C-alpha atoms as a PDB file:
ATOM      1  CA  MET A   1      -1.429  11.084  18.823  1.00  0.00           C
ATOM      2  CA  SER A   2      -0.080  12.457  15.581  1.00  0.00           C
ATOM      3  CA  GLY A   3      -3.484  12.613  13.871  1.00  0.00           C
ATOM      4  CA  ALA A   4      -4.957  16.018  13.230  1.00  0.00           C
ATOM      5  CA  ALA A   5      -8.526  16.964  14.178  1.00  0.00           C
ATOM      6  CA  GLU A   6      -9.243  17.321  10.471  1.00  0.00           C
ATOM      7  CA  PRO A   7      -7.682  14.716   8.212  1.00  0.00           C
ATOM      8  CA  ARG A   8      -5.336  15.555   5.380  1.00  0.00           C
ATOM      9  CA  ILE A   9      -7.225  14.424   2.259  1.00  0.00           C
ATOM     10  CA  ILE A  10      -4.941  12.913  -0.360  1.00  0.00           C
ATOM     11  CA  LEU A  11      -7.582  12.078  -2.932  1.00  0.00           C
ATOM     12  CA  GLU A  12     -11.208  11.116  -3.405  1.00  0.00           C
ATOM     13  CA  THR A  13     -12.836   8.463  -5.579  1.00  0.00           C
ATOM     14  CA  GLU A  14     -16.475   7.675  -6.204  1.00  0.00           C
ATOM     15  CA  ARG A  15     -16.805   5.689  -2.955  1.00  0.00           C
ATOM     16  CA  LEU A  16     -13.627   6.408  -1.017  1.00  0.00           C
ATOM     17  CA  LEU A  17     -11.492   9.055   0.653  1.00  0.00           C
ATOM     18  CA  LEU A  18      -7.766   8.458   1.001  1.00  0.00           C
ATOM     19  CA  ARG A  19      -6.641  10.520   3.959  1.00  0.00           C
ATOM     20  CA  SER A  20      -4.412  10.792   6.991  1.00  0.00           C
ATOM     21  CA  TRP A  21      -5.250   8.659   9.992  1.00  0.00           C
ATOM     22  CA  LEU A  22      -7.511   9.779  12.841  1.00  0.00           C
ATOM     23  CA  GLU A  23      -7.536   8.557  16.431  1.00  0.00           C
ATOM     24  CA  GLN A  24     -10.856   6.825  15.728  1.00  0.00           C
ATOM     25  CA  ASP A  25      -9.043   4.608  13.162  1.00  0.00           C
ATOM     26  CA  ARG A  26      -6.613   3.115  15.674  1.00  0.00           C
ATOM     27  CA  ASP A  27      -8.716   0.020  16.462  1.00  0.00           C
ATOM     28  CA  LEU A  28      -9.099  -0.789  12.765  1.00  0.00           C
ATOM     29  CA  PHE A  29      -5.334  -0.424  12.277  1.00  0.00           C
ATOM     30  CA  ARG A  30      -4.758  -2.820  15.185  1.00  0.00           C
ATOM     31  CA  GLU A  31      -7.286  -5.252  13.736  1.00  0.00           C
ATOM     32  CA  ILE A  32      -5.601  -5.301  10.324  1.00  0.00           C
ATOM     33  CA  ASN A  33      -2.139  -5.869  11.788  1.00  0.00           C
ATOM     34  CA  ALA A  34      -3.297  -8.737  14.018  1.00  0.00           C
ATOM     35  CA  ASP A  35      -5.661 -10.512  11.597  1.00  0.00           C
ATOM     36  CA  PRO A  36      -4.205 -13.867  10.452  1.00  0.00           C
ATOM     37  CA  LYS A  37      -6.010 -13.637   7.093  1.00  0.00           C
ATOM     38  CA  VAL A  38      -4.813 -10.105   6.324  1.00  0.00           C
ATOM     39  CA  MET A  39      -1.293 -10.934   7.515  1.00  0.00           C
ATOM     40  CA  GLU A  40      -1.182 -14.399   5.927  1.00  0.00           C
ATOM     41  CA  PHE A  41       1.810 -13.473   3.759  1.00  0.00           C
ATOM     42  CA  PHE A  42       3.788 -11.708   6.495  1.00  0.00           C
ATOM     43  CA  PRO A  43       6.054 -13.550   8.938  1.00  0.00           C
ATOM     44  CA  PHE A  44       4.524 -11.891  12.014  1.00  0.00           C
ATOM     45  CA  ARG A  45       1.444 -10.256  13.508  1.00  0.00           C
ATOM     46  CA  ARG A  46       1.606  -7.063  15.548  1.00  0.00           C
ATOM     47  CA  ASN A  47       0.265  -6.725  19.083  1.00  0.00           C
ATOM     48  CA  HIS A  48      -1.484  -3.516  20.165  1.00  0.00           C
ATOM     49  CA  SER A  49       1.630  -1.641  21.236  1.00  0.00           C
ATOM     50  CA  GLU A  50       3.563  -2.621  18.076  1.00  0.00           C
ATOM     51  CA  SER A  51       0.593  -1.646  15.937  1.00  0.00           C
ATOM     52  CA  ASP A  52       0.251   1.681  17.766  1.00  0.00           C
ATOM     53  CA  LEU A  53       3.916   2.520  17.117  1.00  0.00           C
ATOM     54  CA  LEU A  54       3.458   1.759  13.421  1.00  0.00           C
ATOM     55  CA  PHE A  55       0.210   3.772  13.371  1.00  0.00           C
ATOM     56  CA  GLU A  56       2.067   6.833  14.693  1.00  0.00           C
ATOM     57  CA  ARG A  57       4.985   6.385  12.284  1.00  0.00           C
ATOM     58  CA  VAL A  58       2.758   5.875   9.233  1.00  0.00           C
ATOM     59  CA  ASN A  59       0.563   8.851  10.051  1.00  0.00           C
ATOM     60  CA  ALA A  60       3.534  11.126  10.740  1.00  0.00           C
ATOM     61  CA  MET A  61       4.903  10.269   7.290  1.00  0.00           C
ATOM     62  CA  VAL A  62       1.548  11.031   5.649  1.00  0.00           C
ATOM     63  CA  LEU A  63       1.220  14.360   7.475  1.00  0.00           C
ATOM     64  CA  GLU A  64       4.840  15.470   7.025  1.00  0.00           C
ATOM     65  CA  GLU A  65       5.721  14.138   3.573  1.00  0.00           C
ATOM     66  CA  GLY A  66       2.382  13.479   1.884  1.00  0.00           C
ATOM     67  CA  LEU A  67       3.585   9.942   1.187  1.00  0.00           C
ATOM     68  CA  GLY A  68       2.768   6.816   3.133  1.00  0.00           C
ATOM     69  CA  PHE A  69      -0.016   4.343   3.662  1.00  0.00           C
ATOM     70  CA  TYR A  70      -3.204   6.407   3.761  1.00  0.00           C
ATOM     71  CA  ALA A  71      -6.375   5.485   5.575  1.00  0.00           C
ATOM     72  CA  VAL A  72      -9.070   4.373   3.133  1.00  0.00           C
ATOM     73  CA  GLU A  73     -12.412   5.742   4.284  1.00  0.00           C
ATOM     74  CA  LEU A  74     -15.731   4.549   2.942  1.00  0.00           C
ATOM     75  CA  LYS A  75     -17.560   7.821   2.220  1.00  0.00           C
ATOM     76  CA  GLU A  76     -21.003   6.303   2.749  1.00  0.00           C
ATOM     77  CA  THR A  77     -20.291   5.344   6.386  1.00  0.00           C
ATOM     78  CA  GLN A  78     -17.306   7.621   7.118  1.00  0.00           C
ATOM     79  CA  GLU A  79     -15.382   4.660   8.547  1.00  0.00           C
ATOM     80  CA  ALA A  80     -11.874   3.541   7.728  1.00  0.00           C
ATOM     81  CA  VAL A  81     -11.784   0.139   6.041  1.00  0.00           C
ATOM     82  CA  GLY A  82      -8.032  -0.290   5.570  1.00  0.00           C
ATOM     83  CA  PHE A  83      -5.119   1.446   3.912  1.00  0.00           C
ATOM     84  CA  CYS A  84      -3.595   2.034   0.510  1.00  0.00           C
ATOM     85  CA  GLY A  85      -0.608   4.178  -0.178  1.00  0.00           C
ATOM     86  CA  LEU A  86       2.502   5.310  -1.950  1.00  0.00           C
ATOM     87  CA  ALA A  87       5.713   5.046   0.047  1.00  0.00           C
ATOM     88  CA  PRO A  88       9.438   4.694  -0.525  1.00  0.00           C
ATOM     89  CA  ALA A  89      10.113   1.038  -1.348  1.00  0.00           C
ATOM     90  CA  ASN A  90      13.069   1.095   1.070  1.00  0.00           C
ATOM     91  CA  MET A  91      14.701  -2.005  -0.410  1.00  0.00           C
ATOM     92  CA  PRO A  92      18.415  -1.157  -0.767  1.00  0.00           C
ATOM     93  CA  GLY A  93      20.170  -3.310  -3.332  1.00  0.00           C
ATOM     94  CA  ILE A  94      16.847  -4.356  -4.859  1.00  0.00           C
ATOM     95  CA  PHE A  95      15.290  -1.064  -5.990  1.00  0.00           C
ATOM     96  CA  PRO A  96      16.874   2.371  -6.460  1.00  0.00           C
ATOM     97  CA  PRO A  97      16.581   4.623  -3.367  1.00  0.00           C
ATOM     98  CA  GLU A  98      14.017   6.887  -5.048  1.00  0.00           C
ATOM     99  CA  MET A  99      11.659   4.017  -6.014  1.00  0.00           C
ATOM    100  CA  ILE A 100       8.090   4.369  -4.741  1.00  0.00           C
ATOM    101  CA  GLU A 101       5.903   1.371  -4.019  1.00  0.00           C
ATOM    102  CA  ILE A 102       2.138   1.092  -3.898  1.00  0.00           C
ATOM    103  CA  GLY A 103       0.669  -1.184  -1.249  1.00  0.00           C
ATOM    104  CA  TRP A 104      -2.538  -1.949   0.616  1.00  0.00           C
ATOM    105  CA  ARG A 105      -4.282  -3.897   3.360  1.00  0.00           C
ATOM    106  CA  LEU A 106      -7.971  -4.060   4.090  1.00  0.00           C
ATOM    107  CA  ALA A 107      -9.921  -5.438   7.047  1.00  0.00           C
ATOM    108  CA  THR A 108     -11.374  -8.777   5.955  1.00  0.00           C
ATOM    109  CA  ARG A 109     -14.977  -7.711   6.502  1.00  0.00           C
ATOM    110  CA  PHE A 110     -14.488  -5.214   3.646  1.00  0.00           C
ATOM    111  CA  TRP A 111     -12.966  -7.669   1.156  1.00  0.00           C
ATOM    112  CA  GLY A 112     -14.812  -8.380  -2.070  1.00  0.00           C
ATOM    113  CA  HIS A 113     -16.178  -4.894  -2.803  1.00  0.00           C
ATOM    114  CA  GLY A 114     -13.422  -3.603  -5.069  1.00  0.00           C
ATOM    115  CA  TYR A 115     -12.245  -0.968  -2.590  1.00  0.00           C
ATOM    116  CA  VAL A 116      -8.540  -1.784  -2.947  1.00  0.00           C
ATOM    117  CA  THR A 117      -8.719  -1.773  -6.744  1.00  0.00           C
ATOM    118  CA  GLU A 118     -10.564   1.561  -6.725  1.00  0.00           C
ATOM    119  CA  ALA A 119      -8.127   3.164  -4.281  1.00  0.00           C
ATOM    120  CA  ALA A 120      -4.994   1.762  -5.931  1.00  0.00           C
ATOM    121  CA  ALA A 121      -6.050   2.759  -9.457  1.00  0.00           C
ATOM    122  CA  ALA A 122      -6.705   6.318  -8.264  1.00  0.00           C
ATOM    123  CA  LEU A 123      -3.367   6.397  -6.447  1.00  0.00           C
ATOM    124  CA  LEU A 124      -1.466   5.264  -9.541  1.00  0.00           C
ATOM    125  CA  ASP A 125      -3.103   8.066 -11.506  1.00  0.00           C
ATOM    126  CA  HIS A 126      -2.188  10.484  -8.678  1.00  0.00           C
ATOM    127  CA  ALA A 127       1.415   9.194  -8.656  1.00  0.00           C
ATOM    128  CA  PHE A 128       1.802   9.942 -12.355  1.00  0.00           C
ATOM    129  CA  ARG A 129      -0.334  13.042 -12.949  1.00  0.00           C
ATOM    130  CA  VAL A 130       0.170  14.914  -9.657  1.00  0.00           C
ATOM    131  CA  ARG A 131       3.515  13.656  -8.373  1.00  0.00           C
ATOM    132  CA  GLY A 132       5.108  13.138 -11.775  1.00  0.00           C
ATOM    133  CA  LEU A 133       6.631   9.788 -10.853  1.00  0.00           C
ATOM    134  CA  ARG A 134       8.215   7.854 -13.717  1.00  0.00           C
ATOM    135  CA  SER A 135       7.246   4.445 -12.348  1.00  0.00           C
ATOM    136  CA  VAL A 136       5.771   2.709  -9.315  1.00  0.00           C
ATOM    137  CA  VAL A 137       6.431  -0.821  -8.095  1.00  0.00           C
ATOM    138  CA  SER A 138       4.441  -3.273  -6.063  1.00  0.00           C
ATOM    139  CA  PHE A 139       5.658  -6.577  -4.706  1.00  0.00           C
ATOM    140  CA  ALA A 140       4.136  -9.493  -2.857  1.00  0.00           C
ATOM    141  CA  VAL A 141       4.841 -13.062  -1.846  1.00  0.00           C
ATOM    142  CA  ALA A 142       4.652 -15.127  -5.033  1.00  0.00           C
ATOM    143  CA  SER A 143       1.628 -17.102  -3.790  1.00  0.00           C
ATOM    144  CA  ASN A 144      -0.324 -13.988  -2.720  1.00  0.00           C
ATOM    145  CA  HIS A 145      -2.746 -14.164  -5.635  1.00  0.00           C
ATOM    146  CA  ARG A 146      -5.198 -11.659  -4.112  1.00  0.00           C
ATOM    147  CA  SER A 147      -2.573  -8.902  -4.198  1.00  0.00           C
ATOM    148  CA  THR A 148      -1.129  -9.790  -7.583  1.00  0.00           C
ATOM    149  CA  ALA A 149      -4.670  -9.833  -9.009  1.00  0.00           C
ATOM    150  CA  VAL A 150      -5.122  -6.232  -7.828  1.00  0.00           C
ATOM    151  CA  MET A 151      -1.782  -5.304  -9.401  1.00  0.00           C
ATOM    152  CA  GLN A 152      -2.983  -6.743 -12.702  1.00  0.00           C
ATOM    153  CA  ARG A 153      -6.406  -5.078 -12.460  1.00  0.00           C
ATOM    154  CA  ILE A 154      -4.825  -1.639 -12.032  1.00  0.00           C
ATOM    155  CA  GLY A 155      -2.642  -2.155 -15.087  1.00  0.00           C
ATOM    156  CA  MET A 156       0.658  -3.103 -13.509  1.00  0.00           C
ATOM    157  CA  LYS A 157       2.832  -5.597 -15.374  1.00  0.00           C
ATOM    158  CA  ALA A 158       4.870  -8.467 -13.967  1.00  0.00           C
ATOM    159  CA  PHE A 159       8.631  -7.991 -14.226  1.00  0.00           C
ATOM    160  CA  PRO A 160      10.058 -11.440 -13.386  1.00  0.00           C
ATOM    161  CA  ASN A 161      13.610 -10.126 -13.786  1.00  0.00           C
ATOM    162  CA  LEU A 162      12.920  -7.940 -10.702  1.00  0.00           C
ATOM    163  CA  ASP A 163      11.580 -10.775  -8.504  1.00  0.00           C
ATOM    164  CA  PHE A 164      13.601 -11.196  -5.306  1.00  0.00           C
ATOM    165  CA  ASP A 165      13.979 -12.946  -1.977  1.00  0.00           C
ATOM    166  CA  HIS A 166      12.855 -10.445   0.655  1.00  0.00           C
ATOM    167  CA  PRO A 167      15.807  -9.682   2.922  1.00  0.00           C
ATOM    168  CA  ARG A 168      13.614  -8.890   5.950  1.00  0.00           C
ATOM    169  CA  VAL A 169      11.740 -12.207   5.878  1.00  0.00           C
ATOM    170  CA  PRO A 170      13.458 -14.542   8.338  1.00  0.00           C
ATOM    171  CA  ASP A 171      14.806 -17.927   7.238  1.00  0.00           C
ATOM    172  CA  SER A 172      12.220 -19.499   9.558  1.00  0.00           C
ATOM    173  CA  HIS A 173       9.582 -18.574   6.908  1.00  0.00           C
ATOM    174  CA  PRO A 174      11.101 -19.751   3.600  1.00  0.00           C
ATOM    175  CA  HIS A 175       7.680 -19.939   1.917  1.00  0.00           C
ATOM    176  CA  LEU A 176       7.331 -16.147   2.379  1.00  0.00           C
ATOM    177  CA  LYS A 177      10.745 -15.125   1.062  1.00  0.00           C
ATOM    178  CA  ARG A 178      10.193 -15.126  -2.713  1.00  0.00           C
ATOM    179  CA  HIS A 179       8.486 -11.930  -3.900  1.00  0.00           C
ATOM    180  CA  VAL A 180       7.179 -11.113  -7.341  1.00  0.00           C
ATOM    181  CA  THR A 181       7.455  -7.564  -8.655  1.00  0.00           C
ATOM    182  CA  TYR A 182       4.946  -5.624 -10.723  1.00  0.00           C
ATOM    183  CA  VAL A 183       5.652  -2.235 -12.286  1.00  0.00           C
ATOM    184  CA  ALA A 184       3.494   0.590 -13.620  1.00  0.00           C
ATOM    185  CA  ILE A 185       5.201   3.098 -15.891  1.00  0.00           C
ATOM    186  CA  ASN A 186       3.926   6.644 -16.268  1.00  0.00           C
ATOM    187  CA  PRO A 187       2.095   6.895 -19.631  1.00  0.00           C
ATOM    188  CA  ALA A 188       3.863  10.229 -20.277  1.00  0.00           C
ATOM    189  CA  GLU A 189       7.190   8.445 -19.832  1.00  0.00           C
ATOM    190  CA  LEU A 190       6.123   5.780 -22.319  1.00  0.00           C
ATOM    191  CA  ALA A 191       5.131   8.486 -24.813  1.00  0.00           C
ATOM    192  CA  ARG A 192       8.594  10.081 -24.514  1.00  0.00           C
ATOM    193  CA  HIS A 193      10.314   6.713 -25.037  1.00  0.00           C
ATOM    194  CA  PRO A 194       8.095   4.583 -27.309  1.00  0.00           C
ATOM    195  CA  GLY A 195       9.081   0.979 -27.895  1.00  0.00           C
END
């Protein structure tokens, strides 16, 4: 297991900790990746072994690079409820190689409490103030209104000229191919280049 005995804390909000993953989070990670509601806009679900491989890869990235999809822990109960993170967009030909995306998934039993919005807003602030990023993107299947609503709530703006057909979505799932793109631009960047 790549998780440390003590988690690497990325940031803290009023109700949440964003941190590296711990062994005790593995079942939640499996649950998220297998849940048909959470994965509604993905062309596949992951079984336990596939989810475990991703768990290890995601946590290694968080621990080694400080980027990745962080565990979101509810401070009140000290349990992980999902993930939210900043990671390379890794979409050659669509975004520049240095582009960072913000993304999230939450176990369904924790939906409706504003946790994703709280975590994502804090991460955007972290991306700009601490990491000095010029911009951050987020993208989702066009009909994924839950995710695009979060993007809007955290101040991201739709950029229809950047919408794309996801190259890793198989042709067997045409309804999942079209992705909309939202962008947040660092306020300091906007101040340097008004208008």
